[in-house]
PDB file of N, CA and C in Angstrom:
ATOM      1  N   MET A   1    -161.061  44.519  52.235  1.00  0.00           N
ATOM      2  CA  MET A   1    -161.421  43.608  52.864  1.00  0.00           C
ATOM      3  C   MET A   1    -160.218  43.314  53.880  1.00  0.00           C
ATOM      4  N   ARG A   2    -160.354  42.774  55.550  1.00  0.00           N
ATOM      5  CA  ARG A   2    -159.472  42.089  56.022  1.00  0.00           C
ATOM      6  C   ARG A   2    -159.480  40.565  56.194  1.00  0.00           C
ATOM      7  N   GLU A   3    -157.616  40.691  55.803  1.00  0.00           N
ATOM      8  CA  GLU A   3    -157.416  39.137  55.741  1.00  0.00           C
ATOM      9  C   GLU A   3    -157.589  38.451  56.974  1.00  0.00           C
ATOM     10  N   ARG A   4    -157.684  37.322  57.048  1.00  0.00           N
ATOM     11  CA  ARG A   4    -157.859  36.468  57.878  1.00  0.00           C
ATOM     12  C   ARG A   4    -156.471  35.530  58.838  1.00  0.00           C
ATOM     13  N   PHE A   5    -156.047  35.560  59.877  1.00  0.00           N
ATOM     14  CA  PHE A   5    -154.692  34.537  59.829  1.00  0.00           C
ATOM     15  C   PHE A   5    -155.119  33.767  60.859  1.00  0.00           C
ATOM     16  N   SER A   6    -154.887  32.611  60.371  1.00  0.00           N
ATOM     17  CA  SER A   6    -154.559  31.187  61.719  1.00  0.00           C
ATOM     18  C   SER A   6    -154.081  31.682  63.111  1.00  0.00           C
ATOM     19  N   ALA A   7    -153.921  30.824  63.785  1.00  0.00           N
ATOM     20  CA  ALA A   7    -152.784  30.627  64.949  1.00  0.00           C
ATOM     21  C   ALA A   7    -151.753  30.460  64.357  1.00  0.00           C
ATOM     22  N   GLU A   8    -151.699  29.587  63.430  1.00  0.00           N
ATOM     23  CA  GLU A   8    -149.997  29.426  63.535  1.00  0.00           C
ATOM     24  C   GLU A   8    -149.510  29.809  62.198  1.00  0.00           C
ATOM     25  N   ASP A   9    -150.300  30.908  61.553  1.00  0.00           N
ATOM     26  CA  ASP A   9    -149.598  32.386  61.173  1.00  0.00           C
ATOM     27  C   ASP A   9    -149.167  33.115  62.240  1.00  0.00           C
ATOM     28  N   SER A  10    -149.784  33.424  63.120  1.00  0.00           N
ATOM     29  CA  SER A  10    -149.585  34.542  64.285  1.00  0.00           C
ATOM     30  C   SER A  10    -148.126  34.092  64.841  1.00  0.00           C
ATOM     31  N   ASN A  11    -147.979  32.733  65.226  1.00  0.00           N
ATOM     32  CA  ASN A  11    -147.268  31.817  65.667  1.00  0.00           C
ATOM     33  C   ASN A  11    -145.752  32.086  64.742  1.00  0.00           C
ATOM     34  N   ASN A  12    -146.017  32.308  63.336  1.00  0.00           N
ATOM     35  CA  ASN A  12    -144.874  32.397  62.688  1.00  0.00           C
ATOM     36  C   ASN A  12    -144.275  34.230  62.371  1.00  0.00           C
ATOM     37  N   SER A  13    -145.601  34.807  63.125  1.00  0.00           N
ATOM     38  CA  SER A  13    -145.152  36.239  62.964  1.00  0.00           C
ATOM     39  C   SER A  13    -144.154  36.980  63.136  1.00  0.00           C
ATOM     40  N   SER A  14    -143.352  36.116  64.566  1.00  0.00           N
ATOM     41  CA  SER A  14    -142.202  36.529  65.075  1.00  0.00           C
ATOM     42  C   SER A  14    -140.908  36.401  64.635  1.00  0.00           C
ATOM     43  N   THR A  15    -141.222  35.469  63.690  1.00  0.00           N
ATOM     44  CA  THR A  15    -139.715  34.882  62.691  1.00  0.00           C
ATOM     45  C   THR A  15    -139.635  36.334  61.675  1.00  0.00           C
ATOM     46  N   ASP A  16    -141.134  36.847  60.802  1.00  0.00           N
ATOM     47  CA  ASP A  16    -141.016  37.661  60.380  1.00  0.00           C
ATOM     48  C   ASP A  16    -140.970  39.360  60.888  1.00  0.00           C
ATOM     49  N   PHE A  17    -141.095  39.206  61.846  1.00  0.00           N
ATOM     50  CA  PHE A  17    -141.255  40.672  62.862  1.00  0.00           C
ATOM     51  C   PHE A  17    -140.032  40.379  63.893  1.00  0.00           C
ATOM     52  N   GLY A  18    -139.435  41.483  64.661  1.00  0.00           N
ATOM     53  CA  GLY A  18    -138.408  41.228  65.513  1.00  0.00           C
ATOM     54  C   GLY A  18    -139.439  41.091  66.972  1.00  0.00           C
ATOM     55  N   CYS A  19    -140.606  41.098  67.014  1.00  0.00           N
ATOM     56  CA  CYS A  19    -141.228  40.514  68.480  1.00  0.00           C
ATOM     57  C   CYS A  19    -142.806  39.407  67.978  1.00  0.00           C
ATOM     58  N   SER A  20    -143.076  39.096  68.901  1.00  0.00           N
ATOM     59  CA  SER A  20    -144.609  38.026  68.677  1.00  0.00           C
ATOM     60  C   SER A  20    -145.683  38.571  69.006  1.00  0.00           C
ATOM     61  N   THR A  21    -146.402  38.263  68.406  1.00  0.00           N
ATOM     62  CA  THR A  21    -147.936  38.725  68.842  1.00  0.00           C
ATOM     63  C   THR A  21    -148.080  39.036  70.336  1.00  0.00           C
ATOM     64  N   GLN A  22    -147.555  38.032  71.258  1.00  0.00           N
ATOM     65  CA  GLN A  22    -147.715  37.985  72.469  1.00  0.00           C
ATOM     66  C   GLN A  22    -147.172  38.751  72.965  1.00  0.00           C
ATOM     67  N   GLU A  23    -146.022  39.280  72.566  1.00  0.00           N
ATOM     68  CA  GLU A  23    -145.195  40.530  73.464  1.00  0.00           C
ATOM     69  C   GLU A  23    -146.181  41.592  73.122  1.00  0.00           C
ATOM     70  N   LEU A  24    -146.507  41.830  72.368  1.00  0.00           N
ATOM     71  CA  LEU A  24    -147.249  43.154  71.757  1.00  0.00           C
ATOM     72  C   LEU A  24    -148.694  43.630  72.625  1.00  0.00           C
ATOM     73  N   GLN A  25    -149.378  41.908  73.014  1.00  0.00           N
ATOM     74  CA  GLN A  25    -150.216  42.121  73.818  1.00  0.00           C
ATOM     75  C   GLN A  25    -149.766  42.573  74.892  1.00  0.00           C
ATOM     76  N   GLY A  26    -148.979  41.664  75.444  1.00  0.00           N
ATOM     77  CA  GLY A  26    -148.401  41.916  76.551  1.00  0.00           C
ATOM     78  C   GLY A  26    -148.062  43.078  77.103  1.00  0.00           C
ATOM     79  N   LEU A  27    -147.184  44.155  75.677  1.00  0.00           N
ATOM     80  CA  LEU A  27    -147.162  45.341  76.157  1.00  0.00           C
ATOM     81  C   LEU A  27    -148.671  46.479  76.183  1.00  0.00           C
ATOM     82  N   MET A  28    -149.245  46.149  75.190  1.00  0.00           N
ATOM     83  CA  MET A  28    -150.596  46.757  75.192  1.00  0.00           C
ATOM     84  C   MET A  28    -151.529  46.945  76.642  1.00  0.00           C
ATOM     85  N   GLN A  29    -151.057  46.295  77.345  1.00  0.00           N
ATOM     86  CA  GLN A  29    -152.040  46.003  79.086  1.00  0.00           C
ATOM     87  C   GLN A  29    -150.832  46.861  79.859  1.00  0.00           C
ATOM     88  N   LEU A  30    -149.672  47.276  79.316  1.00  0.00           N
ATOM     89  CA  LEU A  30    -148.854  48.345  80.103  1.00  0.00           C
ATOM     90  C   LEU A  30    -149.571  49.795  80.143  1.00  0.00           C
ATOM     91  N   ARG A  31    -149.215  50.697  81.235  1.00  0.00           N
ATOM     92  CA  ARG A  31    -149.595  52.069  80.912  1.00  0.00           C
ATOM     93  C   ARG A  31    -148.669  52.595  81.449  1.00  0.00           C
ATOM     94  N   GLY A  32    -148.853  54.203  81.076  1.00  0.00           N
ATOM     95  CA  GLY A  32    -147.310  55.000  81.861  1.00  0.00           C
ATOM     96  C   GLY A  32    -145.967  54.718  81.912  1.00  0.00           C
ATOM     97  N   ALA A  33    -145.463  55.121  83.003  1.00  0.00           N
ATOM     98  CA  ALA A  33    -143.787  54.865  83.017  1.00  0.00           C
ATOM     99  C   ALA A  33    -143.439  53.381  82.624  1.00  0.00           C
ATOM    100  N   GLU A  34    -144.839  52.701  83.589  1.00  0.00           N
ATOM    101  CA  GLU A  34    -144.047  50.975  83.155  1.00  0.00           C
ATOM    102  C   GLU A  34    -144.061  50.983  81.718  1.00  0.00           C
ATOM    103  N   ALA A  35    -145.107  51.150  80.862  1.00  0.00           N
ATOM    104  CA  ALA A  35    -144.625  50.918  79.523  1.00  0.00           C
ATOM    105  C   ALA A  35    -143.577  51.731  78.580  1.00  0.00           C
ATOM    106  N   VAL A  36    -143.250  52.661  78.867  1.00  0.00           N
ATOM    107  CA  VAL A  36    -141.728  53.450  78.356  1.00  0.00           C
ATOM    108  C   VAL A  36    -140.892  52.609  78.788  1.00  0.00           C
ATOM    109  N   GLU A  37    -140.702  52.395  79.732  1.00  0.00           N
ATOM    110  CA  GLU A  37    -139.351  51.260  80.881  1.00  0.00           C
ATOM    111  C   GLU A  37    -139.650  49.886  79.817  1.00  0.00           C
ATOM    112  N   VAL A  38    -140.825  49.331  79.574  1.00  0.00           N
ATOM    113  CA  VAL A  38    -141.015  48.172  78.668  1.00  0.00           C
ATOM    114  C   VAL A  38    -139.811  48.649  77.496  1.00  0.00           C
ATOM    115  N   VAL A  39    -140.665  49.262  76.866  1.00  0.00           N
ATOM    116  CA  VAL A  39    -140.184  49.846  75.418  1.00  0.00           C
ATOM    117  C   VAL A  39    -139.133  50.354  75.279  1.00  0.00           C
ATOM    118  N   ASN A  40    -138.171  51.194  76.042  1.00  0.00           N
ATOM    119  CA  ASN A  40    -137.183  51.427  76.114  1.00  0.00           C
ATOM    120  C   ASN A  40    -136.096  49.837  76.073  1.00  0.00           C
ATOM    121  N   LYS A  41    -136.654  49.091  77.523  1.00  0.00           N
ATOM    122  CA  LYS A  41    -135.460  48.052  77.820  1.00  0.00           C
ATOM    123  C   LYS A  41    -135.838  46.893  76.642  1.00  0.00           C
ATOM    124  N   ARG A  42    -136.862  46.765  76.059  1.00  0.00           N
ATOM    125  CA  ARG A  42    -136.868  45.316  75.374  1.00  0.00           C
ATOM    126  C   ARG A  42    -136.376  45.707  74.062  1.00  0.00           C
ATOM    127  N   PHE A  43    -136.998  46.677  73.299  1.00  0.00           N
ATOM    128  CA  PHE A  43    -137.002  46.891  72.328  1.00  0.00           C
ATOM    129  C   PHE A  43    -136.201  48.340  71.876  1.00  0.00           C
ATOM    130  N   GLY A  44    -135.606  48.728  72.581  1.00  0.00           N
ATOM    131  CA  GLY A  44    -134.524  49.966  72.347  1.00  0.00           C
ATOM    132  C   GLY A  44    -135.538  51.511  71.908  1.00  0.00           C
ATOM    133  N   GLY A  45    -136.718  51.600  72.441  1.00  0.00           N
ATOM    134  CA  GLY A  45    -137.297  52.787  72.282  1.00  0.00           C
ATOM    135  C   GLY A  45    -138.503  52.731  71.399  1.00  0.00           C
ATOM    136  N   ALA A  46    -138.878  53.568  71.160  1.00  0.00           N
ATOM    137  CA  ALA A  46    -140.271  53.497  69.831  1.00  0.00           C
ATOM    138  C   ALA A  46    -139.801  53.284  68.644  1.00  0.00           C
ATOM    139  N   SER A  47    -138.352  53.790  68.382  1.00  0.00           N
ATOM    140  CA  SER A  47    -138.069  53.879  67.388  1.00  0.00           C
ATOM    141  C   SER A  47    -137.492  52.155  66.922  1.00  0.00           C
ATOM    142  N   GLY A  48    -136.784  51.623  67.899  1.00  0.00           N
ATOM    143  CA  GLY A  48    -136.291  50.319  67.788  1.00  0.00           C
ATOM    144  C   GLY A  48    -137.947  49.362  67.871  1.00  0.00           C
ATOM    145  N   LEU A  49    -138.764  49.720  68.070  1.00  0.00           N
ATOM    146  CA  LEU A  49    -139.984  48.597  67.969  1.00  0.00           C
ATOM    147  C   LEU A  49    -140.499  49.260  66.531  1.00  0.00           C
ATOM    148  N   CYS A  50    -140.517  50.031  66.404  1.00  0.00           N
ATOM    149  CA  CYS A  50    -141.246  50.479  64.814  1.00  0.00           C
ATOM    150  C   CYS A  50    -139.838  49.428  63.566  1.00  0.00           C
ATOM    151  N   LYS A  51    -138.813  49.770  64.173  1.00  0.00           N
ATOM    152  CA  LYS A  51    -138.011  48.551  63.168  1.00  0.00           C
ATOM    153  C   LYS A  51    -138.466  47.279  63.377  1.00  0.00           C
ATOM    154  N   ARG A  52    -138.113  46.624  64.469  1.00  0.00           N
ATOM    155  CA  ARG A  52    -138.624  45.139  64.391  1.00  0.00           C
ATOM    156  C   ARG A  52    -140.377  45.104  63.700  1.00  0.00           C
ATOM    157  N   LEU A  53    -140.765  46.358  63.711  1.00  0.00           N
ATOM    158  CA  LEU A  53    -142.328  46.109  63.101  1.00  0.00           C
ATOM    159  C   LEU A  53    -142.383  46.380  61.652  1.00  0.00           C
ATOM    160  N   LYS A  54    -141.260  46.902  61.078  1.00  0.00           N
ATOM    161  CA  LYS A  54    -140.734  46.942  59.856  1.00  0.00           C
ATOM    162  C   LYS A  54    -142.221  48.389  59.080  1.00  0.00           C
ATOM    163  N   THR A  55    -142.001  49.160  60.211  1.00  0.00           N
ATOM    164  CA  THR A  55    -143.213  50.443  59.879  1.00  0.00           C
ATOM    165  C   THR A  55    -142.547  51.495  60.121  1.00  0.00           C
ATOM    166  N   SER A  56    -142.780  53.015  59.735  1.00  0.00           N
ATOM    167  CA  SER A  56    -141.987  54.249  59.865  1.00  0.00           C
ATOM    168  C   SER A  56    -142.943  54.996  61.263  1.00  0.00           C
ATOM    169  N   PRO A  57    -141.946  55.352  62.305  1.00  0.00           N
ATOM    170  CA  PRO A  57    -142.633  55.714  63.516  1.00  0.00           C
ATOM    171  C   PRO A  57    -143.140  56.937  62.917  1.00  0.00           C
ATOM    172  N   THR A  58    -143.059  57.834  61.550  1.00  0.00           N
ATOM    173  CA  THR A  58    -143.762  58.924  61.146  1.00  0.00           C
ATOM    174  C   THR A  58    -145.106  58.841  60.476  1.00  0.00           C
ATOM    175  N   GLN A  59    -144.550  57.527  59.223  1.00  0.00           N
ATOM    176  CA  GLN A  59    -145.623  57.660  58.158  1.00  0.00           C
ATOM    177  C   GLN A  59    -146.409  56.406  58.280  1.00  0.00           C
ATOM    178  N   GLY A  60    -146.278  55.510  59.405  1.00  0.00           N
ATOM    179  CA  GLY A  60    -147.380  54.114  60.471  1.00  0.00           C
ATOM    180  C   GLY A  60    -147.057  53.106  59.027  1.00  0.00           C
TER     181      GLY A  60
END
């Protein structure tokens, strides 16, 4: 069963993780070279984004 989170929970997520839900939503709107550029500049590449999200780039 999926847990439900309130707006307050999602606002606090940026303190638990290195990026906010708004940043992730904006990132998902990008495509192609623009997306790669943003991931590289803001997050230090895919591995940097994975570190912020506390996940493994290979194991999920």
